[in-house]
Amino acid sequence: MPTSLEVEPEVASKIEARARKRGVSVDVYLRELIEAELPATEQANGLTPQDKVNLLREWAASHSLDTPILPDEAISRESIYGERG
């Protein structure tokens, strides 16, 4: 879906010139700029995607593995809602 942005004519000229210099369209040039900034944004909050994965795995590993498994009757709709439902 195309989107239009209003920028000052001198800014637009600079963007077009830089895109031309790289041999790409303005769209490609702007997309590359944004993608180049994404890792910096992720670093700004202190957590990379891999950090988040590691934290989730640590959290999961911190739970006991000998928790008893509930029987099906304990989690049936009838046992949860009883006469209501």
Protein backbone atom coordinates (compact mmCIF):
# COMPACT_ATOMS: atom_id res chain seq x y z
CA MET A 1 0.00 0.00 0.00
CA PRO A 2 1.67 3.22 -1.12
CA THR A 3 1.99 5.98 1.44
CA SER A 4 2.79 9.61 0.83
CA LEU A 5 4.88 11.73 3.15
CA GLU A 6 5.22 15.46 3.02
CA VAL A 7 8.79 16.68 3.42
CA GLU A 8 10.53 19.91 2.64
CA PRO A 9 11.63 20.10 -1.02
CA GLU A 10 15.29 20.34 -0.02
CA VAL A 11 14.99 17.18 2.12
CA ALA A 12 13.28 15.36 -0.74
CA SER A 13 16.07 16.42 -3.09
CA LYS A 14 18.73 15.12 -0.70
CA ILE A 15 16.92 11.80 -0.32
CA GLU A 16 16.54 11.43 -4.08
CA ALA A 17 20.20 12.32 -4.65
CA ARG A 18 21.41 9.78 -2.10
CA ALA A 19 19.15 7.09 -3.56
CA ARG A 20 20.42 7.87 -7.07
CA LYS A 21 24.02 7.76 -5.83
CA ARG A 22 23.39 4.26 -4.44
CA GLY A 23 21.61 3.25 -7.63
CA VAL A 24 18.31 2.40 -5.95
CA SER A 25 14.82 3.87 -5.84
CA VAL A 26 13.81 6.25 -3.06
CA ASP A 27 11.55 3.49 -1.69
CA VAL A 28 14.42 1.00 -1.49
CA TYR A 29 16.77 3.62 -0.06
CA LEU A 30 14.34 4.58 2.73
CA ARG A 31 13.57 0.93 3.50
CA GLU A 32 17.31 0.22 3.84
CA LEU A 33 17.71 3.18 6.20
CA ILE A 34 14.87 1.97 8.39
CA GLU A 35 16.12 -1.62 8.46
CA ALA A 36 19.59 -0.41 9.38
CA GLU A 37 18.09 1.37 12.39
CA LEU A 38 16.08 -1.59 13.69
CA PRO A 39 18.96 -3.36 15.44
CA ALA A 40 19.88 -0.07 17.14
CA THR A 41 16.29 0.27 18.36
CA GLU A 42 16.33 -3.25 19.75
CA GLN A 43 19.61 -2.51 21.51
CA ALA A 44 18.13 0.68 22.96
CA ASN A 45 15.70 -1.27 25.13
CA GLY A 46 18.57 -3.51 26.20
CA LEU A 47 17.14 -6.77 24.86
CA THR A 48 17.84 -8.33 21.52
CA PRO A 49 15.47 -11.02 20.24
CA GLN A 50 18.00 -13.65 21.32
CA ASP A 51 18.11 -12.12 24.83
CA LYS A 52 14.32 -12.43 24.99
CA VAL A 53 14.47 -16.07 23.89
CA ASN A 54 17.12 -16.80 26.54
CA LEU A 55 15.05 -15.14 29.27
CA LEU A 56 11.97 -17.13 28.29
CA ARG A 57 13.94 -20.38 28.33
CA GLU A 58 15.43 -19.56 31.73
CA TRP A 59 11.96 -18.79 33.08
CA ALA A 60 10.56 -22.06 31.71
CA ALA A 61 13.48 -24.06 33.14
CA SER A 62 12.95 -22.52 36.58
CA HIS A 63 9.65 -24.37 37.05
CA SER A 64 9.41 -27.75 38.68
CA LEU A 65 9.02 -30.76 36.43
CA ASP A 66 7.32 -32.90 39.10
CA THR A 67 4.08 -30.97 39.23
CA PRO A 68 1.27 -33.52 39.27
CA ILE A 69 -0.81 -33.72 36.12
CA LEU A 70 -4.51 -33.11 36.67
CA PRO A 71 -6.92 -35.78 35.51
CA ASP A 72 -9.26 -34.89 32.65
CA GLU A 73 -12.22 -34.84 35.07
CA ALA A 74 -10.59 -32.00 37.03
CA ILE A 75 -10.48 -29.74 34.00
CA SER A 76 -13.76 -30.66 32.37
CA ARG A 77 -16.36 -27.99 31.71
CA GLU A 78 -18.76 -29.68 34.14
CA SER A 79 -16.28 -29.65 37.01
CA ILE A 80 -15.38 -26.01 36.39
CA TYR A 81 -18.88 -24.59 35.92
CA GLY A 82 -20.95 -27.19 37.75
CA GLU A 83 -24.65 -26.47 37.50
CA ARG A 84 -24.10 -23.08 35.88
CA GLY A 85 -23.04 -24.45 32.73
